[in-house]
Amino acid sequence: MVKVFIEVRNGIARFAAAVRVDSIRQAVSIAGRLYPGGQVRVKFPTDHECFFVQDTADPVWIAA
């Protein structure tokens, strides 16, 4: 599992969330499905010390 930060923009609205999933591609895909008209991107640089995390059953989204 990895933890990445995703930024979602939709018009003037914008928010970021930390997500734990199997891959970066999966994080972007899930965010794109949840917010279909929004612009979804990975926020770089990633924090290399907490990039890899323990496996969990479900993705975890934490609003930032």
PDB file of N, CA and C in Angstrom:
ATOM      1  N   MET A   1       0.851  -1.175   0.000  1.00  0.00           N
ATOM      2  CA  MET A   1       0.000   0.000   0.000  1.00  0.00           C
ATOM      3  C   MET A   1       0.897   1.238   0.000  1.00  0.00           C
ATOM      4  N   VAL A   2       0.367   2.283  -0.618  1.00  0.00           N
ATOM      5  CA  VAL A   2       1.070   3.561  -0.632  1.00  0.00           C
ATOM      6  C   VAL A   2       0.131   4.649  -0.134  1.00  0.00           C
ATOM      7  N   LYS A   3       0.704   5.730   0.352  1.00  0.00           N
ATOM      8  CA  LYS A   3      -0.094   6.886   0.773  1.00  0.00           C
ATOM      9  C   LYS A   3       0.343   8.065  -0.081  1.00  0.00           C
ATOM     10  N   VAL A   4      -0.618   8.617  -0.822  1.00  0.00           N
ATOM     11  CA  VAL A   4      -0.339   9.772  -1.676  1.00  0.00           C
ATOM     12  C   VAL A   4      -1.369  10.856  -1.403  1.00  0.00           C
ATOM     13  N   PHE A   5      -1.031  12.066  -1.782  1.00  0.00           N
ATOM     14  CA  PHE A   5      -1.957  13.177  -1.655  1.00  0.00           C
ATOM     15  C   PHE A   5      -2.527  13.498  -3.024  1.00  0.00           C
ATOM     16  N   ILE A   6      -3.845  13.584  -3.075  1.00  0.00           N
ATOM     17  CA  ILE A   6      -4.573  13.868  -4.305  1.00  0.00           C
ATOM     18  C   ILE A   6      -5.213  15.243  -4.170  1.00  0.00           C
ATOM     19  N   GLU A   7      -5.125  16.049  -5.217  1.00  0.00           N
ATOM     20  CA  GLU A   7      -5.807  17.336  -5.240  1.00  0.00           C
ATOM     21  C   GLU A   7      -6.926  17.261  -6.267  1.00  0.00           C
ATOM     22  N   VAL A   8      -8.107  17.743  -5.874  1.00  0.00           N
ATOM     23  CA  VAL A   8      -9.264  17.751  -6.759  1.00  0.00           C
ATOM     24  C   VAL A   8      -9.715  19.200  -6.924  1.00  0.00           C
ATOM     25  N   ARG A   9      -9.878  19.635  -8.155  1.00  0.00           N
ATOM     26  CA  ARG A   9     -10.384  20.972  -8.462  1.00  0.00           C
ATOM     27  C   ARG A   9     -11.634  20.829  -9.309  1.00  0.00           C
ATOM     28  N   ASN A  10     -12.634  21.623  -8.960  1.00  0.00           N
ATOM     29  CA  ASN A  10     -13.878  21.642  -9.728  1.00  0.00           C
ATOM     30  C   ASN A  10     -14.369  23.076  -9.725  1.00  0.00           C
ATOM     31  N   GLY A  11     -14.134  23.790 -10.814  1.00  0.00           N
ATOM     32  CA  GLY A  11     -14.453  25.210 -10.847  1.00  0.00           C
ATOM     33  C   GLY A  11     -13.528  25.947  -9.894  1.00  0.00           C
ATOM     34  N   ILE A  12     -14.113  26.714  -8.972  1.00  0.00           N
ATOM     35  CA  ILE A  12     -13.286  27.429  -7.999  1.00  0.00           C
ATOM     36  C   ILE A  12     -13.061  26.612  -6.732  1.00  0.00           C
ATOM     37  N   ALA A  13     -13.786  25.500  -6.578  1.00  0.00           N
ATOM     38  CA  ALA A  13     -13.621  24.635  -5.406  1.00  0.00           C
ATOM     39  C   ALA A  13     -12.358  23.794  -5.564  1.00  0.00           C
ATOM     40  N   ARG A  14     -11.638  23.621  -4.441  1.00  0.00           N
ATOM     41  CA  ARG A  14     -10.425  22.810  -4.472  1.00  0.00           C
ATOM     42  C   ARG A  14     -10.213  22.191  -3.101  1.00  0.00           C
ATOM     43  N   PHE A  15      -9.817  20.932  -3.067  1.00  0.00           N
ATOM     44  CA  PHE A  15      -9.451  20.302  -1.812  1.00  0.00           C
ATOM     45  C   PHE A  15      -8.394  19.244  -2.075  1.00  0.00           C
ATOM     46  N   ALA A  16      -7.722  18.856  -1.006  1.00  0.00           N
ATOM     47  CA  ALA A  16      -6.711  17.812  -1.097  1.00  0.00           C
ATOM     48  C   ALA A  16      -7.056  16.732  -0.091  1.00  0.00           C
ATOM     49  N   ALA A  17      -6.653  15.517  -0.398  1.00  0.00           N
ATOM     50  CA  ALA A  17      -6.902  14.393   0.498  1.00  0.00           C
ATOM     51  C   ALA A  17      -5.717  13.449   0.449  1.00  0.00           C
ATOM     52  N   ALA A  18      -5.415  12.842   1.591  1.00  0.00           N
ATOM     53  CA  ALA A  18      -4.424  11.776   1.640  1.00  0.00           C
ATOM     54  C   ALA A  18      -5.185  10.470   1.464  1.00  0.00           C
ATOM     55  N   VAL A  19      -4.645   9.585   0.653  1.00  0.00           N
ATOM     56  CA  VAL A  19      -5.325   8.323   0.394  1.00  0.00           C
ATOM     57  C   VAL A  19      -4.318   7.177   0.460  1.00  0.00           C
ATOM     58  N   ARG A  20      -4.762   6.066   1.060  1.00  0.00           N
ATOM     59  CA  ARG A  20      -3.953   4.842   1.110  1.00  0.00           C
ATOM     60  C   ARG A  20      -4.602   3.823   0.186  1.00  0.00           C
ATOM     61  N   VAL A  21      -3.890   3.432  -0.836  1.00  0.00           N
ATOM     62  CA  VAL A  21      -4.393   2.479  -1.825  1.00  0.00           C
ATOM     63  C   VAL A  21      -3.236   1.604  -2.298  1.00  0.00           C
ATOM     64  N   ASP A  22      -3.532   0.697  -3.228  1.00  0.00           N
ATOM     65  CA  ASP A  22      -2.500  -0.202  -3.743  1.00  0.00           C
ATOM     66  C   ASP A  22      -1.515   0.492  -4.682  1.00  0.00           C
ATOM     67  N   SER A  23      -1.977   1.535  -5.404  1.00  0.00           N
ATOM     68  CA  SER A  23      -1.086   2.204  -6.351  1.00  0.00           C
ATOM     69  C   SER A  23      -1.521   3.657  -6.550  1.00  0.00           C
ATOM     70  N   ILE A  24      -0.614   4.455  -7.060  1.00  0.00           N
ATOM     71  CA  ILE A  24      -0.931   5.850  -7.370  1.00  0.00           C
ATOM     72  C   ILE A  24      -2.015   5.908  -8.438  1.00  0.00           C
ATOM     73  N   ARG A  25      -1.919   5.056  -9.423  1.00  0.00           N
ATOM     74  CA  ARG A  25      -2.917   5.011 -10.495  1.00  0.00           C
ATOM     75  C   ARG A  25      -4.314   4.745  -9.935  1.00  0.00           C
ATOM     76  N   GLN A  26      -4.413   3.852  -8.961  1.00  0.00           N
ATOM     77  CA  GLN A  26      -5.701   3.542  -8.349  1.00  0.00           C
ATOM     78  C   GLN A  26      -6.255   4.764  -7.621  1.00  0.00           C
ATOM     79  N   ALA A  27      -5.409   5.521  -6.937  1.00  0.00           N
ATOM     80  CA  ALA A  27      -5.858   6.725  -6.228  1.00  0.00           C
ATOM     81  C   ALA A  27      -6.459   7.741  -7.197  1.00  0.00           C
ATOM     82  N   VAL A  28      -5.786   7.960  -8.311  1.00  0.00           N
ATOM     83  CA  VAL A  28      -6.276   8.910  -9.316  1.00  0.00           C
ATOM     84  C   VAL A  28      -7.572   8.401  -9.941  1.00  0.00           C
ATOM     85  N   SER A  29      -7.645   7.118 -10.201  1.00  0.00           N
ATOM     86  CA  SER A  29      -8.840   6.532 -10.791  1.00  0.00           C
ATOM     87  C   SER A  29     -10.057   6.670  -9.876  1.00  0.00           C
ATOM     88  N   ILE A  30      -9.879   6.370  -8.606  1.00  0.00           N
ATOM     89  CA  ILE A  30     -10.982   6.466  -7.648  1.00  0.00           C
ATOM     90  C   ILE A  30     -11.446   7.915  -7.522  1.00  0.00           C
ATOM     91  N   ALA A  31     -10.500   8.837  -7.383  1.00  0.00           N
ATOM     92  CA  ALA A  31     -10.864  10.258  -7.264  1.00  0.00           C
ATOM     93  C   ALA A  31     -11.587  10.738  -8.512  1.00  0.00           C
ATOM     94  N   GLY A  32     -11.162  10.282  -9.677  1.00  0.00           N
ATOM     95  CA  GLY A  32     -11.820  10.665 -10.924  1.00  0.00           C
ATOM     96  C   GLY A  32     -13.252  10.165 -10.998  1.00  0.00           C
ATOM     97  N   ARG A  33     -13.495   8.981 -10.466  1.00  0.00           N
ATOM     98  CA  ARG A  33     -14.869   8.445 -10.456  1.00  0.00           C
ATOM     99  C   ARG A  33     -15.727   9.161  -9.429  1.00  0.00           C
ATOM    100  N   LEU A  34     -15.146   9.547  -8.290  1.00  0.00           N
ATOM    101  CA  LEU A  34     -15.910  10.243  -7.256  1.00  0.00           C
ATOM    102  C   LEU A  34     -16.254  11.669  -7.652  1.00  0.00           C
ATOM    103  N   TYR A  35     -15.381  12.292  -8.425  1.00  0.00           N
ATOM    104  CA  TYR A  35     -15.570  13.690  -8.839  1.00  0.00           C
ATOM    105  C   TYR A  35     -15.447  13.792 -10.344  1.00  0.00           C
ATOM    106  N   PRO A  36     -16.460  13.294 -11.099  1.00  0.00           N
ATOM    107  CA  PRO A  36     -16.359  13.230 -12.567  1.00  0.00           C
ATOM    108  C   PRO A  36     -16.263  14.563 -13.261  1.00  0.00           C
ATOM    109  N   GLY A  37     -16.119  15.500 -13.283  1.00  0.00           N
ATOM    110  CA  GLY A  37     -15.971  16.794 -13.911  1.00  0.00           C
ATOM    111  C   GLY A  37     -14.827  17.566 -13.308  1.00  0.00           C
ATOM    112  N   GLY A  38     -14.246  17.021 -12.247  1.00  0.00           N
ATOM    113  CA  GLY A  38     -13.153  17.740 -11.601  1.00  0.00           C
ATOM    114  C   GLY A  38     -11.799  17.359 -12.179  1.00  0.00           C
ATOM    115  N   GLN A  39     -10.841  18.203 -11.950  1.00  0.00           N
ATOM    116  CA  GLN A  39      -9.463  17.914 -12.334  1.00  0.00           C
ATOM    117  C   GLN A  39      -8.792  17.225 -11.150  1.00  0.00           C
ATOM    118  N   VAL A  40      -8.244  16.063 -11.379  1.00  0.00           N
ATOM    119  CA  VAL A  40      -7.625  15.268 -10.320  1.00  0.00           C
ATOM    120  C   VAL A  40      -6.141  15.139 -10.620  1.00  0.00           C
ATOM    121  N   ARG A  41      -5.307  15.396  -9.604  1.00  0.00           N
ATOM    122  CA  ARG A  41      -3.869  15.232  -9.806  1.00  0.00           C
ATOM    123  C   ARG A  41      -3.207  14.797  -8.511  1.00  0.00           C
ATOM    124  N   VAL A  42      -2.067  14.165  -8.653  1.00  0.00           N
ATOM    125  CA  VAL A  42      -1.260  13.764  -7.504  1.00  0.00           C
ATOM    126  C   VAL A  42      -0.417  14.965  -7.104  1.00  0.00           C
ATOM    127  N   LYS A  43      -0.376  15.248  -5.808  1.00  0.00           N
ATOM    128  CA  LYS A  43       0.454  16.341  -5.314  1.00  0.00           C
ATOM    129  C   LYS A  43       1.864  15.824  -5.089  1.00  0.00           C
ATOM    130  N   PHE A  44       2.809  16.446  -5.739  1.00  0.00           N
ATOM    131  CA  PHE A  44       4.219  16.098  -5.593  1.00  0.00           C
ATOM    132  C   PHE A  44       4.942  17.248  -4.933  1.00  0.00           C
ATOM    133  N   PRO A  45       6.016  17.061  -4.245  1.00  0.00           N
ATOM    134  CA  PRO A  45       6.679  15.782  -4.005  1.00  0.00           C
ATOM    135  C   PRO A  45       5.962  14.987  -2.926  1.00  0.00           C
ATOM    136  N   THR A  46       6.102  13.689  -2.985  1.00  0.00           N
ATOM    137  CA  THR A  46       5.533  12.827  -1.953  1.00  0.00           C
ATOM    138  C   THR A  46       6.501  12.749  -0.782  1.00  0.00           C
ATOM    139  N   ASP A  47       5.982  12.450   0.380  1.00  0.00           N
ATOM    140  CA  ASP A  47       6.821  12.304   1.573  1.00  0.00           C
ATOM    141  C   ASP A  47       7.394  10.890   1.564  1.00  0.00           C
ATOM    142  N   HIS A  48       8.670  10.766   1.262  1.00  0.00           N
ATOM    143  CA  HIS A  48       9.279   9.443   1.109  1.00  0.00           C
ATOM    144  C   HIS A  48       9.290   8.640   2.404  1.00  0.00           C
ATOM    145  N   GLU A  49       9.211   9.299   3.557  1.00  0.00           N
ATOM    146  CA  GLU A  49       9.242   8.569   4.823  1.00  0.00           C
ATOM    147  C   GLU A  49       7.924   7.861   5.129  1.00  0.00           C
ATOM    148  N   CYS A  50       6.818   8.339   4.587  1.00  0.00           N
ATOM    149  CA  CYS A  50       5.530   7.683   4.869  1.00  0.00           C
ATOM    150  C   CYS A  50       4.815   7.262   3.583  1.00  0.00           C
ATOM    151  N   PHE A  51       5.554   7.095   2.482  1.00  0.00           N
ATOM    152  CA  PHE A  51       4.955   6.696   1.210  1.00  0.00           C
ATOM    153  C   PHE A  51       4.404   5.278   1.275  1.00  0.00           C
ATOM    154  N   PHE A  52       5.186   4.336   1.794  1.00  0.00           N
ATOM    155  CA  PHE A  52       4.722   2.960   1.924  1.00  0.00           C
ATOM    156  C   PHE A  52       4.090   2.783   3.292  1.00  0.00           C
ATOM    157  N   VAL A  53       2.876   2.234   3.331  1.00  0.00           N
ATOM    158  CA  VAL A  53       2.139   2.058   4.582  1.00  0.00           C
ATOM    159  C   VAL A  53       1.681   0.621   4.711  1.00  0.00           C
ATOM    160  N   GLN A  54       1.238   0.249   5.913  1.00  0.00           N
ATOM    161  CA  GLN A  54       0.745  -1.103   6.134  1.00  0.00           C
ATOM    162  C   GLN A  54      -0.536  -1.327   5.350  1.00  0.00           C
ATOM    163  N   ASP A  55      -0.729  -2.548   4.952  1.00  0.00           N
ATOM    164  CA  ASP A  55      -1.910  -2.948   4.183  1.00  0.00           C
ATOM    165  C   ASP A  55      -3.173  -2.802   5.027  1.00  0.00           C
ATOM    166  N   THR A  56      -4.233  -2.276   4.423  1.00  0.00           N
ATOM    167  CA  THR A  56      -5.550  -2.210   5.056  1.00  0.00           C
ATOM    168  C   THR A  56      -6.568  -2.773   4.078  1.00  0.00           C
ATOM    169  N   ALA A  57      -7.721  -3.120   4.573  1.00  0.00           N
ATOM    170  CA  ALA A  57      -8.747  -3.736   3.719  1.00  0.00           C
ATOM    171  C   ALA A  57      -9.343  -2.737   2.727  1.00  0.00           C
ATOM    172  N   ASP A  58      -9.527  -1.497   3.127  1.00  0.00           N
ATOM    173  CA  ASP A  58     -10.187  -0.504   2.282  1.00  0.00           C
ATOM    174  C   ASP A  58      -9.308   0.729   2.111  1.00  0.00           C
ATOM    175  N   PRO A  59      -9.503   1.458   0.990  1.00  0.00           N
ATOM    176  CA  PRO A  59      -8.794   2.729   0.847  1.00  0.00           C
ATOM    177  C   PRO A  59      -9.229   3.697   1.941  1.00  0.00           C
ATOM    178  N   VAL A  60      -8.343   4.505   2.386  1.00  0.00           N
ATOM    179  CA  VAL A  60      -8.647   5.478   3.424  1.00  0.00           C
ATOM    180  C   VAL A  60      -8.394   6.866   2.885  1.00  0.00           C
ATOM    181  N   TRP A  61      -9.407   7.734   2.958  1.00  0.00           N
ATOM    182  CA  TRP A  61      -9.297   9.112   2.494  1.00  0.00           C
ATOM    183  C   TRP A  61      -9.287  10.024   3.710  1.00  0.00           C
ATOM    184  N   ILE A  62      -8.332  10.911   3.765  1.00  0.00           N
ATOM    185  CA  ILE A  62      -8.240  11.872   4.854  1.00  0.00           C
ATOM    186  C   ILE A  62      -8.200  13.258   4.233  1.00  0.00           C
ATOM    187  N   ALA A  63      -9.228  14.058   4.472  1.00  0.00           N
ATOM    188  CA  ALA A  63      -9.272  15.406   3.900  1.00  0.00           C
ATOM    189  C   ALA A  63      -8.166  16.245   4.502  1.00  0.00           C
ATOM    190  N   ALA A  64      -7.536  17.048   3.646  1.00  0.00           N
ATOM    191  CA  ALA A  64      -6.455  17.923   4.120  1.00  0.00           C
ATOM    192  C   ALA A  64      -6.815  19.362   3.862  1.00  0.00           C
TER     193      ALA A  64
END
